[in-house]
Protein backbone atom coordinates (compact mmCIF):
# COMPACT_ATOMS: atom_id res chain seq x y z
CA MET A 1 168.68 -13.25 -44.75
CA PRO A 2 169.06 -11.64 -48.21
CA ASN A 3 172.20 -9.74 -49.06
CA PRO A 4 171.91 -6.66 -46.82
CA SER A 5 173.72 -4.57 -49.41
CA ARG A 6 170.37 -4.27 -51.15
CA ARG A 7 169.57 -1.73 -48.46
CA THR A 8 172.96 -0.07 -48.37
CA VAL A 9 172.76 3.71 -48.11
CA LEU A 10 175.29 6.09 -49.59
CA ARG A 11 175.97 9.23 -47.64
CA ALA A 12 174.94 12.59 -49.04
CA ALA A 13 178.05 13.38 -51.04
CA THR A 14 178.06 10.11 -52.95
CA ALA A 15 174.30 10.21 -53.41
CA ALA A 16 174.47 13.64 -54.98
CA THR A 17 177.07 12.39 -57.43
CA LEU A 18 174.83 9.50 -58.48
CA LEU A 19 171.81 11.77 -58.69
CA GLY A 20 173.46 13.63 -61.54
CA ALA A 21 173.52 10.42 -63.55
CA ALA A 22 169.88 9.58 -62.95
CA THR A 23 168.66 10.48 -66.43
CA ARG A 24 171.80 9.60 -68.36
CA VAL A 25 173.16 6.29 -67.15
CA PRO A 26 176.39 5.64 -69.06
CA ALA A 27 176.55 2.43 -71.05
CA ALA A 28 179.71 0.35 -70.89
CA ALA A 29 181.67 -0.19 -74.05
CA ALA A 30 180.42 -3.31 -75.82
CA ALA A 31 182.59 -6.41 -75.50
CA GLY A 32 181.33 -9.07 -77.88
CA PRO A 33 177.92 -9.69 -79.49
CA SER A 34 174.88 -8.26 -77.73
CA LEU A 35 173.19 -10.47 -75.16
CA ARG A 36 170.33 -8.03 -74.48
CA ALA A 37 167.00 -9.78 -74.01
CA VAL A 38 164.74 -9.51 -77.05
CA TYR A 39 161.24 -9.61 -75.50
CA HIS A 40 161.85 -8.93 -71.80
CA LEU A 41 162.06 -5.54 -70.11
CA THR A 42 165.68 -4.47 -69.50
CA PRO A 43 167.06 -1.09 -68.38
CA PRO A 44 168.63 1.29 -70.90
CA ALA A 45 171.87 0.88 -68.94
CA GLY A 46 172.98 0.22 -65.38
CA TRP A 47 171.30 -1.90 -62.71
CA LEU A 48 167.64 -2.98 -62.66
CA CYS A 49 165.96 -4.25 -59.49
CA ASP A 50 162.48 -4.45 -57.93
CA PRO A 51 159.49 -3.59 -60.12
CA GLN A 52 156.83 -1.31 -58.62
CA ARG A 53 153.18 -2.21 -59.21
CA PRO A 54 151.97 -0.39 -62.34
CA VAL A 55 149.13 2.11 -62.33
CA HIS A 56 146.84 2.66 -65.30
CA THR A 57 146.35 6.27 -66.38
CA GLY A 58 146.32 8.13 -69.66
CA GLY A 59 145.52 4.96 -71.61
CA ALA A 60 148.68 3.10 -70.55
CA TYR A 61 150.14 1.06 -67.71
CA HIS A 62 152.94 2.97 -65.94
CA LEU A 63 155.58 0.65 -64.49
CA TYR A 64 158.40 1.89 -62.27
CA TYR A 65 161.44 -0.05 -61.13
CA LEU A 66 164.53 0.45 -58.97
CA HIS A 67 167.44 1.64 -61.10
CA SER A 68 170.99 2.77 -60.45
CA ALA A 69 174.14 3.53 -62.37
CA GLU A 70 176.20 0.80 -60.70
CA ASN A 71 175.35 -2.77 -59.76
CA ASN A 72 173.38 -2.92 -56.51
CA ALA A 73 173.93 0.76 -55.73
CA PRO A 74 171.36 3.19 -54.29
CA GLY A 75 169.15 4.67 -56.95
CA TRP A 76 165.81 5.95 -58.13
CA TRP A 77 162.52 4.91 -59.71
CA GLN A 78 162.86 4.48 -63.45
CA HIS A 79 159.65 4.92 -65.45
CA ALA A 80 158.38 2.83 -68.38
CA THR A 81 154.97 2.64 -70.06
CA THR A 82 153.16 -0.08 -71.97
CA THR A 83 149.77 -0.58 -73.58
CA ASP A 84 150.04 -4.34 -74.12
CA ASN A 85 152.31 -5.53 -71.25
CA VAL A 86 154.88 -6.75 -73.77
CA THR A 87 156.53 -3.69 -75.29
CA PHE A 88 157.74 -1.04 -72.83
CA THR A 89 158.79 2.52 -73.62
CA ASP A 90 161.43 4.03 -71.34
CA ARG A 91 160.30 7.38 -69.90
CA GLY A 92 163.39 8.27 -67.89
CA THR A 93 163.46 8.99 -64.17
CA GLY A 94 160.15 8.91 -62.34
CA ILE A 95 161.18 9.57 -58.72
CA PRO A 96 164.81 10.73 -58.46
CA MET A 97 167.18 9.83 -55.66
CA GLY A 98 167.26 12.58 -53.06
CA PRO A 99 170.41 14.17 -51.65
CA ASP A 100 170.18 12.21 -48.40
CA PHE A 101 168.80 8.81 -49.35
CA PRO A 102 167.64 6.60 -52.23
CA VAL A 103 164.07 5.60 -52.97
CA TRP A 104 163.30 1.97 -52.26
CA THR A 105 160.29 -0.16 -53.08
CA GLY A 106 156.67 0.88 -52.62
CA SER A 107 153.57 1.29 -54.76
CA GLY A 108 151.41 3.88 -56.42
CA VAL A 109 147.68 4.40 -56.86
CA VAL A 110 145.48 6.72 -58.90
CA ASP A 111 143.57 8.83 -56.37
CA THR A 112 140.40 9.12 -58.45
CA ASN A 113 138.32 10.68 -55.66
CA ASN A 114 140.99 13.18 -54.51
CA THR A 115 141.10 11.72 -51.00
CA ALA A 116 144.63 13.10 -50.47
CA GLY A 117 143.86 16.57 -51.74
CA PHE A 118 146.40 16.66 -54.56
CA GLY A 119 143.69 16.65 -57.23
CA ALA A 120 141.33 14.07 -58.70
CA GLY A 121 143.32 11.50 -60.65
CA ALA A 122 146.66 12.32 -59.02
CA VAL A 123 149.15 9.45 -58.86
CA VAL A 124 150.13 8.98 -55.22
CA VAL A 125 153.07 6.82 -54.17
CA LEU A 126 154.16 5.40 -50.83
CA ALA A 127 157.77 4.23 -50.85
CA THR A 128 160.27 3.06 -48.24
CA GLN A 129 163.23 5.28 -47.46
CA PRO A 130 165.92 5.05 -44.78
CA THR A 131 165.36 8.02 -42.49
CA GLY A 132 168.50 9.96 -41.66
CA GLY A 133 170.67 7.77 -43.88
CA ASP A 134 170.27 4.78 -41.53
CA ARG A 135 169.15 1.63 -43.34
CA TYR A 136 167.83 0.23 -40.05
CA ASP A 137 165.26 3.02 -39.71
CA GLN A 138 163.03 2.32 -42.69
CA GLU A 139 159.92 4.49 -42.95
CA GLN A 140 157.20 5.12 -45.53
CA TYR A 141 157.24 8.40 -47.47
CA LEU A 142 154.71 9.90 -49.86
CA TYR A 143 155.12 11.38 -53.34
CA TRP A 144 152.45 12.70 -55.68
CA SER A 145 152.16 13.46 -59.37
CA THR A 146 149.60 15.61 -61.20
CA ASP A 147 150.96 15.01 -64.71
CA GLY A 148 150.04 11.34 -65.06
CA GLY A 149 152.97 9.83 -63.20
CA PHE A 150 155.84 11.49 -65.10
CA THR A 151 157.11 13.84 -62.38
CA PHE A 152 156.62 13.63 -58.63
CA THR A 153 156.70 15.98 -55.64
CA ALA A 154 157.87 14.79 -52.23
CA TYR A 155 155.34 15.27 -49.42
CA GLY A 156 157.95 15.68 -46.67
CA PRO A 157 157.96 13.74 -43.39
CA PRO A 158 157.18 10.02 -43.31
CA VAL A 159 153.48 9.19 -43.35
CA ILE A 160 154.03 5.82 -41.64
CA SER A 161 156.81 5.91 -39.05
CA ASN A 162 158.90 2.93 -38.08
CA PRO A 163 157.50 1.68 -34.74
CA ASP A 164 160.63 -0.10 -33.52
CA HIS A 165 163.45 1.11 -35.82
CA ASN A 166 163.77 -2.36 -37.32
CA ASP A 167 165.25 -2.74 -40.78
CA TRP A 168 162.35 -4.98 -41.86
CA PHE A 169 159.63 -2.35 -42.27
CA ARG A 170 159.45 -1.93 -45.99
CA ASP A 171 157.75 -2.05 -49.37
CA PRO A 172 154.22 -0.70 -48.69
CA LYS A 173 151.53 -1.96 -51.05
CA ILE A 174 148.38 0.17 -51.06
CA HIS A 175 144.91 -0.30 -52.54
CA TRP A 176 141.43 1.16 -52.20
CA ASP A 177 138.90 -0.85 -50.19
CA GLY A 178 135.64 0.16 -51.86
CA VAL A 179 133.48 -1.69 -49.34
CA ARG A 180 134.82 0.33 -46.41
CA ASN A 181 135.80 3.49 -48.32
CA GLU A 182 139.37 3.57 -47.12
CA TRP A 183 142.91 2.87 -48.24
CA VAL A 184 144.70 -0.26 -47.03
CA ALA A 185 148.49 -0.65 -46.82
CA VAL A 186 150.38 -3.86 -46.17
CA ILE A 187 154.03 -3.54 -45.11
CA GLY A 188 156.67 -6.28 -45.09
CA ARG A 189 158.38 -7.28 -41.85
CA TRP A 190 160.53 -10.19 -40.72
CA GLN A 191 158.27 -13.28 -40.94
CA SER A 192 155.19 -11.09 -40.88
CA MET A 193 153.15 -8.42 -42.64
CA TRP A 194 151.45 -5.44 -40.97
CA PHE A 195 148.20 -3.79 -42.07
CA TYR A 196 147.34 -0.10 -41.92
CA THR A 197 144.28 1.85 -43.10
CA SER A 198 143.81 5.50 -44.07
CA PRO A 199 141.04 7.81 -45.30
CA ASP A 200 143.43 10.01 -47.28
CA LEU A 201 146.81 8.26 -47.94
CA ILE A 202 148.47 10.61 -45.43
CA HIS A 203 147.11 9.64 -42.00
CA TRP A 204 147.50 5.93 -41.30
CA THR A 205 146.29 3.69 -38.44
CA TYR A 206 147.81 0.33 -37.55
CA LYS A 207 145.25 -2.49 -37.64
CA SER A 208 146.86 -5.92 -37.26
CA ALA A 209 149.70 -8.26 -38.23
CA PHE A 210 149.82 -11.50 -40.17
CA GLY A 211 152.62 -13.80 -39.00
CA TYR A 212 154.16 -16.93 -40.45
CA ALA A 213 157.13 -18.50 -38.70
CA THR A 214 157.07 -22.29 -39.34
CA PRO A 215 158.55 -23.36 -41.61
CA ASN A 216 160.94 -20.44 -41.73
CA ILE A 217 160.63 -18.48 -44.97
CA GLY A 218 162.39 -15.36 -43.69
CA GLY A 219 161.38 -11.78 -44.29
CA MET A 220 158.29 -10.68 -46.18
CA GLU A 221 159.38 -8.33 -48.97
CA CYS A 222 157.22 -6.57 -51.56
CA PRO A 223 153.92 -7.73 -50.00
CA ASP A 224 150.67 -7.87 -51.96
CA LEU A 225 146.97 -7.81 -51.02
CA PHE A 226 144.12 -7.96 -53.50
CA GLU A 227 140.67 -9.44 -54.17
CA MET A 228 139.80 -11.68 -57.15
CA THR A 229 136.77 -13.51 -58.47
CA ALA A 230 137.54 -17.18 -59.17
CA ASP A 231 136.39 -19.25 -62.12
CA ASP A 232 133.42 -20.54 -60.10
CA GLY A 233 132.17 -17.00 -59.41
CA THR A 234 133.25 -16.84 -55.76
CA SER A 235 135.31 -13.92 -54.41
CA HIS A 236 138.57 -14.36 -52.50
CA TRP A 237 141.35 -12.24 -51.06
CA VAL A 238 145.00 -13.03 -51.74
CA LEU A 239 147.87 -12.04 -49.43
CA ALA A 240 151.40 -12.51 -50.74
CA ALA A 241 155.06 -11.57 -50.40
CA SER A 242 158.47 -12.50 -51.76
CA THR A 243 160.26 -14.64 -49.20
CA GLN A 244 163.41 -16.64 -48.53
CA GLY A 245 161.81 -20.05 -48.79
CA ASP A 246 165.13 -21.82 -49.31
CA TYR A 247 165.61 -21.69 -45.54
CA SER A 248 163.09 -24.55 -45.52
CA GLY A 249 163.65 -26.13 -48.92
CA LEU A 250 160.99 -23.97 -50.58
CA PRO A 251 161.21 -21.40 -53.39
CA ASP A 252 162.86 -17.98 -53.03
CA THR A 253 159.91 -16.39 -54.79
CA TYR A 254 156.34 -15.13 -54.42
CA ALA A 255 154.43 -16.97 -51.69
CA TYR A 256 150.68 -16.41 -51.39
CA TRP A 257 147.72 -17.32 -49.22
CA THR A 258 144.04 -17.19 -50.16
CA GLY A 259 141.55 -16.11 -47.52
CA THR A 260 139.36 -13.26 -46.28
CA TRP A 261 139.94 -9.60 -45.37
CA ASN A 262 137.49 -7.99 -42.93
CA GLY A 263 138.94 -4.49 -42.94
CA THR A 264 141.15 -5.20 -39.94
CA SER A 265 142.84 -8.58 -40.40
CA PHE A 266 143.49 -11.34 -42.93
CA THR A 267 142.36 -14.93 -42.27
CA THR A 268 143.86 -17.68 -44.41
CA ASP A 269 142.06 -20.64 -45.96
CA SER A 270 145.13 -22.78 -45.25
CA PRO A 271 148.08 -22.07 -42.94
CA ASP A 272 150.79 -22.79 -45.53
CA PRO A 273 151.38 -20.70 -48.64
CA GLN A 274 151.30 -21.61 -52.29
CA TRP A 275 153.98 -20.44 -54.71
CA LEU A 276 153.59 -18.49 -57.94
CA ASP A 277 156.99 -19.71 -59.16
CA TRP A 278 159.34 -22.58 -58.26
CA GLY A 279 162.45 -21.34 -60.04
CA TRP A 280 165.33 -19.36 -58.59
CA ASP A 281 164.61 -16.06 -60.33
CA PHE A 282 161.15 -14.62 -59.73
CA TYR A 283 161.57 -12.13 -56.89
CA ALA A 284 159.96 -8.87 -55.75
CA ALA A 285 156.92 -9.72 -57.87
CA VAL A 286 154.03 -7.29 -58.21
CA THR A 287 150.50 -7.85 -59.50
CA TRP A 288 147.96 -5.38 -60.85
CA PRO A 289 144.40 -5.56 -62.20
CA ASP A 290 143.61 -5.98 -65.88
CA VAL A 291 141.64 -2.83 -66.73
CA ALA A 292 139.57 -4.89 -69.19
CA ALA A 293 138.50 -7.42 -66.50
CA PRO A 294 139.66 -6.19 -63.07
CA ALA A 295 137.64 -8.70 -61.04
CA THR A 296 138.81 -11.88 -62.78
CA SER A 297 142.19 -11.11 -64.34
CA ARG A 298 145.45 -9.68 -63.00
CA PHE A 299 148.93 -9.30 -64.38
CA ALA A 300 152.25 -10.10 -62.69
CA ILE A 301 155.89 -9.25 -63.28
CA ALA A 302 159.03 -9.97 -61.24
CA TRP A 303 162.73 -9.23 -61.09
CA MET A 304 164.56 -12.22 -62.59
CA ASN A 305 167.30 -12.47 -60.00
CA ASN A 306 168.09 -13.87 -56.56
CA TRP A 307 169.94 -12.27 -53.64
CA HIS A 308 172.17 -15.32 -53.31
CA TYR A 309 174.04 -14.14 -56.42
CA ALA A 310 172.45 -10.88 -57.57
CA ALA A 311 175.20 -8.49 -56.54
CA ARG A 312 177.79 -9.57 -59.08
CA ASP A 313 178.95 -8.77 -62.58
CA VAL A 314 177.13 -10.61 -65.35
CA PRO A 315 177.93 -11.02 -69.06
CA THR A 316 175.56 -8.22 -70.09
CA ASP A 317 177.60 -5.75 -68.03
CA ALA A 318 180.37 -6.17 -70.58
CA THR A 319 178.34 -6.73 -73.76
CA ASP A 320 175.50 -4.25 -73.27
CA GLY A 321 176.24 -2.10 -70.21
CA TYR A 322 173.34 -3.28 -68.06
CA ASN A 323 172.49 -5.84 -65.38
CA GLY A 324 169.05 -7.34 -64.89
CA GLN A 325 165.75 -8.05 -66.59
CA MET A 326 162.12 -8.54 -65.66
CA SER A 327 160.12 -11.68 -66.27
CA VAL A 328 157.56 -11.66 -69.04
CA VAL A 329 154.25 -10.26 -67.84
CA ARG A 330 151.88 -13.05 -66.86
CA GLU A 331 148.10 -13.12 -66.78
CA LEU A 332 146.79 -14.50 -63.48
CA ARG A 333 143.43 -16.17 -62.91
CA LEU A 334 142.09 -17.72 -59.71
CA ALA A 335 140.84 -21.29 -60.17
CA ARG A 336 139.05 -23.73 -57.90
CA GLN A 337 140.88 -27.04 -57.62
CA PRO A 338 139.27 -30.51 -57.25
CA GLY A 339 140.03 -30.53 -53.53
CA GLY A 340 138.05 -27.33 -53.02
CA TRP A 341 141.04 -25.02 -52.62
CA TYR A 342 141.92 -22.09 -54.87
CA THR A 343 145.14 -21.42 -56.74
CA LEU A 344 146.53 -18.75 -59.06
CA LEU A 345 147.12 -20.00 -62.59
CA SER A 346 149.58 -18.00 -64.68
CA GLN A 347 150.36 -17.89 -68.38
CA PRO A 348 152.26 -15.38 -70.54
CA VAL A 349 149.94 -12.51 -71.49
CA PRO A 350 148.05 -13.31 -74.72
CA ALA A 351 149.51 -10.17 -76.35
CA LEU A 352 152.91 -11.86 -76.42
CA ARG A 353 151.69 -13.88 -79.40
CA ASP A 354 151.15 -10.59 -81.30
CA HIS A 355 154.93 -10.14 -81.33
CA VAL A 356 155.75 -13.50 -82.91
CA THR A 357 157.71 -13.00 -86.14
CA ARG A 358 157.75 -16.63 -87.30
CA THR A 359 155.91 -19.83 -86.35
CA LEU A 360 157.44 -23.24 -87.08
CA PRO A 361 155.48 -26.45 -86.46
CA LEU A 362 157.88 -29.39 -86.12
CA ALA A 363 157.27 -33.10 -86.65
CA ASP A 364 156.47 -35.34 -83.67
CA VAL A 365 159.36 -37.30 -82.18
CA THR A 366 159.34 -40.67 -80.40
CA THR A 367 162.64 -41.70 -78.85
CA SER A 368 164.33 -43.68 -76.10
CA GLY A 369 167.44 -41.53 -76.39
CA SER A 370 168.15 -37.99 -77.56
CA VAL A 371 167.07 -36.28 -80.80
CA ASP A 372 168.06 -32.83 -82.06
CA LEU A 373 165.19 -30.73 -83.39
CA PRO A 374 165.61 -28.89 -86.71
CA TYR A 375 165.71 -25.39 -85.21
CA GLN A 376 168.35 -22.91 -84.03
CA GLY A 377 167.45 -19.73 -82.16
CA THR A 378 167.98 -17.40 -79.21
CA ALA A 379 164.58 -15.74 -78.60
CA TYR A 380 161.53 -17.96 -78.93
CA GLU A 381 158.71 -19.89 -77.29
CA LEU A 382 158.75 -23.68 -77.51
CA GLU A 383 155.40 -25.40 -76.90
CA LEU A 384 154.90 -29.18 -76.84
CA ASP A 385 153.31 -32.18 -75.15
CA VAL A 386 155.49 -34.89 -73.61
CA SER A 387 154.01 -38.36 -72.97
CA TRP A 388 155.63 -41.57 -71.71
CA GLU A 389 154.89 -44.88 -70.00
CA GLN A 390 158.07 -46.29 -68.47
CA SER A 391 160.67 -43.57 -68.91
CA THR A 392 162.34 -42.41 -65.72
CA ASN A 393 163.55 -39.03 -67.04
CA VAL A 394 162.02 -37.16 -69.98
CA GLY A 395 162.53 -33.63 -71.20
CA VAL A 396 163.89 -31.05 -73.58
CA SER A 397 167.25 -29.27 -73.75
CA VAL A 398 167.42 -25.64 -74.92
CA GLY A 399 170.42 -23.44 -75.58
CA LYS A 400 172.35 -26.46 -76.80
CA SER A 401 175.84 -25.88 -78.15
CA ALA A 402 177.01 -27.51 -81.37
CA ASP A 403 179.10 -30.10 -79.48
CA GLY A 404 176.30 -30.75 -76.97
CA SER A 405 178.40 -29.83 -73.95
CA ARG A 406 176.33 -26.77 -73.02
CA HIS A 407 172.55 -26.82 -72.55
CA THR A 408 169.73 -26.17 -70.09
CA ASN A 409 167.48 -29.15 -69.33
CA ILE A 410 163.75 -28.97 -68.61
CA GLY A 411 162.27 -32.32 -67.65
CA VAL A 412 160.19 -34.60 -65.46
CA TYR A 413 161.78 -37.01 -62.99
CA GLN A 414 160.22 -38.97 -60.11
CA GLY A 415 157.20 -36.73 -59.55
CA SER A 416 158.99 -33.42 -60.10
CA VAL A 417 159.40 -31.07 -62.99
CA TYR A 418 162.87 -29.51 -63.01
CA VAL A 419 165.04 -26.94 -64.71
CA ASP A 420 168.79 -27.61 -64.64
CA ARG A 421 170.82 -24.68 -65.95
CA GLY A 422 174.12 -26.02 -64.63
CA PRO A 423 175.39 -27.27 -68.01
CA SER A 424 174.95 -23.70 -69.32
CA ASP A 425 177.17 -22.16 -66.63
CA ARG A 426 179.99 -19.85 -67.62
CA PRO A 427 183.21 -20.20 -65.59
CA ALA A 428 183.02 -16.53 -64.54
CA CYS A 429 179.29 -16.57 -63.85
CA SER A 430 178.28 -19.90 -62.33
CA PHE A 431 175.07 -20.51 -60.36
CA GLY A 432 176.75 -23.20 -58.25
CA ALA A 433 174.37 -24.63 -55.65
CA TYR A 434 171.47 -22.88 -57.36
CA ARG A 435 171.88 -24.57 -60.72
CA GLN A 436 168.66 -26.61 -60.50
CA SER A 437 165.13 -26.05 -59.25
CA ASN A 438 162.34 -28.60 -58.80
CA ALA A 439 158.56 -28.39 -58.45
CA PRO A 440 156.18 -31.17 -57.45
CA ILE A 441 153.64 -32.54 -59.95
CA ASP A 442 151.33 -35.54 -59.86
CA PRO A 443 153.68 -38.56 -59.60
CA ALA A 444 151.17 -40.62 -61.59
CA ALA A 445 151.28 -38.19 -64.53
CA ARG A 446 152.41 -39.63 -67.85
CA LEU A 447 151.71 -36.47 -69.88
CA VAL A 448 152.79 -32.85 -69.42
CA HIS A 449 152.23 -29.78 -71.53
CA LEU A 450 155.18 -27.37 -71.60
CA ARG A 451 155.53 -23.75 -72.72
CA VAL A 452 159.21 -22.81 -72.58
CA LEU A 453 160.14 -19.15 -73.09
CA VAL A 454 163.79 -18.77 -74.10
CA ASP A 455 165.44 -15.37 -74.40
CA ARG A 456 169.12 -14.53 -74.64
CA GLN A 457 169.57 -14.57 -70.87
CA SER A 458 166.60 -16.45 -69.41
CA VAL A 459 164.32 -19.50 -69.45
CA GLU A 460 160.74 -19.52 -68.12
CA VAL A 461 158.78 -22.78 -68.04
CA PHE A 462 154.96 -22.93 -67.76
CA VAL A 463 153.62 -26.40 -66.98
CA ASN A 464 150.13 -27.60 -67.95
CA ALA A 465 147.52 -24.92 -67.11
CA GLY A 466 150.08 -22.72 -65.37
CA HIS A 467 149.76 -23.93 -61.79
CA THR A 468 153.50 -24.64 -61.90
CA VAL A 469 156.07 -22.20 -63.31
CA LEU A 470 159.88 -22.14 -63.04
CA SER A 471 161.84 -19.00 -63.97
CA HIS A 472 165.61 -18.71 -64.33
CA GLN A 473 168.42 -16.55 -65.54
CA VAL A 474 170.58 -18.45 -68.02
CA TYR A 475 173.55 -16.80 -69.68
CA PHE A 476 173.86 -18.59 -72.99
CA GLU A 477 177.13 -18.42 -74.87
CA THR A 478 177.10 -17.29 -78.49
CA GLY A 479 176.27 -20.42 -80.46
CA ASP A 480 174.10 -21.97 -77.72
CA THR A 481 171.12 -22.10 -80.08
CA GLY A 482 170.04 -25.74 -80.46
CA ILE A 483 167.10 -27.74 -79.06
CA SER A 484 166.90 -31.47 -78.38
CA VAL A 485 164.47 -33.85 -76.69
CA TYR A 486 165.43 -36.82 -74.53
CA ALA A 487 164.09 -39.88 -72.72
CA ASP A 488 165.94 -42.16 -70.29
CA GLY A 489 164.80 -45.58 -69.12
CA GLY A 490 162.12 -45.97 -71.76
CA THR A 491 160.40 -44.31 -74.71
CA ALA A 492 158.72 -40.90 -74.79
CA THR A 493 156.72 -39.10 -77.47
CA PHE A 494 157.06 -35.36 -78.07
CA SER A 495 154.07 -34.04 -80.00
CA GLY A 496 152.49 -30.77 -81.09
CA ILE A 497 155.97 -29.23 -81.17
CA THR A 498 155.73 -25.55 -82.13
CA VAL A 499 158.40 -22.87 -82.12
CA ARG A 500 157.31 -19.22 -82.11
CA GLU A 501 160.16 -16.85 -82.78
CA PHE A 502 160.49 -13.27 -81.59
CA GLY A 503 162.46 -10.73 -83.59
């Protein structure tokens, strides 16, 4: 089970003290060069946690995320806006922490038809809160905004009560079902998700549950339910949640099932889930429709952390006064696979390329050993093709120190693509048993295309068309700026090597 301190509740006196800091989180005194991420969303100061699914209003996407003054402490919804899903503008506190309890994860919608009665176009939020200061009595509360999502008013009592006072009744995700003219909410539970419907966002009726117990992937947090049109023109529903897949040797990330929704229950195409990410740090992910193509394109963002080690001090606490970053925003498309099944393909949003400050094409390399590339940097995208015939282990090292002792390896070995961040570990901030992640690929493959996003504190790897992605925190030391390519047990060719730098 994840670290229960995520759901720790401060009593009223402490909460009121933190509430006063909600709009002015103090930054720690800098200790050494800045490690703040260059092109990822980070908080102004303090602790960043779960993102909340953005809503689009007033010509911008409005993203909220859990935020607090201290690491893993109760907090509030911080507000940020973006027009391109790359650059975010901090807007301060969206939903403040109340005197009796913090605000946990939920979701917002734009109530275009005024079903709730707060006004056409009001932003309405359902969010989990611990009733009476008891983290085991999680219930769903409503807030609304009539100024475009900048300030919110609390409705009052919970609109969805906890049926059994279990601490896994959290993170409601709501959407409008246009076919049936009603709202649908999916709520995360232990090894299951529950569905509710409502005509007005206030009065909710339980409909059914979706359960998944074998193999054990733990609780279903930050669930998701949406419909997409695939590349062959067919329409499909997707049900998803962040889970603890490592119980069964699977990712600790966003698991999803394709299937059908009939207004009451969800039926899967296949009993087992697929995974949007195979790394250790892509949790509490949310997706939202692309306003330019809502049927065929969605975006996704996740908290780049893991509850096995999240609640700890990290280097940016000392250098920049904050802890935590989001992944880059991805564009998702649903694609039919040769076997007839459907999968979500993800790539960095195209707008990320608009923020490139320098592009460097590098010469092809063929080697049966290791070769340093003529580039040094801390915030860039590395794109290349890797091909081989007999090599047993091929890949690229990023964040390489001058003496070669520190680096993060991204490679292919015996039918798996892997990311090994262990050689980049700091003594005071080691990932230990979670140093390496692996994802299956075709064992007969002798060519892979890699897009590797490196920022000052992270590495995200997109393989081929984006069916496989691995996301990780990596805390590079100052001077960990080199890149090399390697091949063991044979010769490999690295071609089309391009570095795109972000300023």
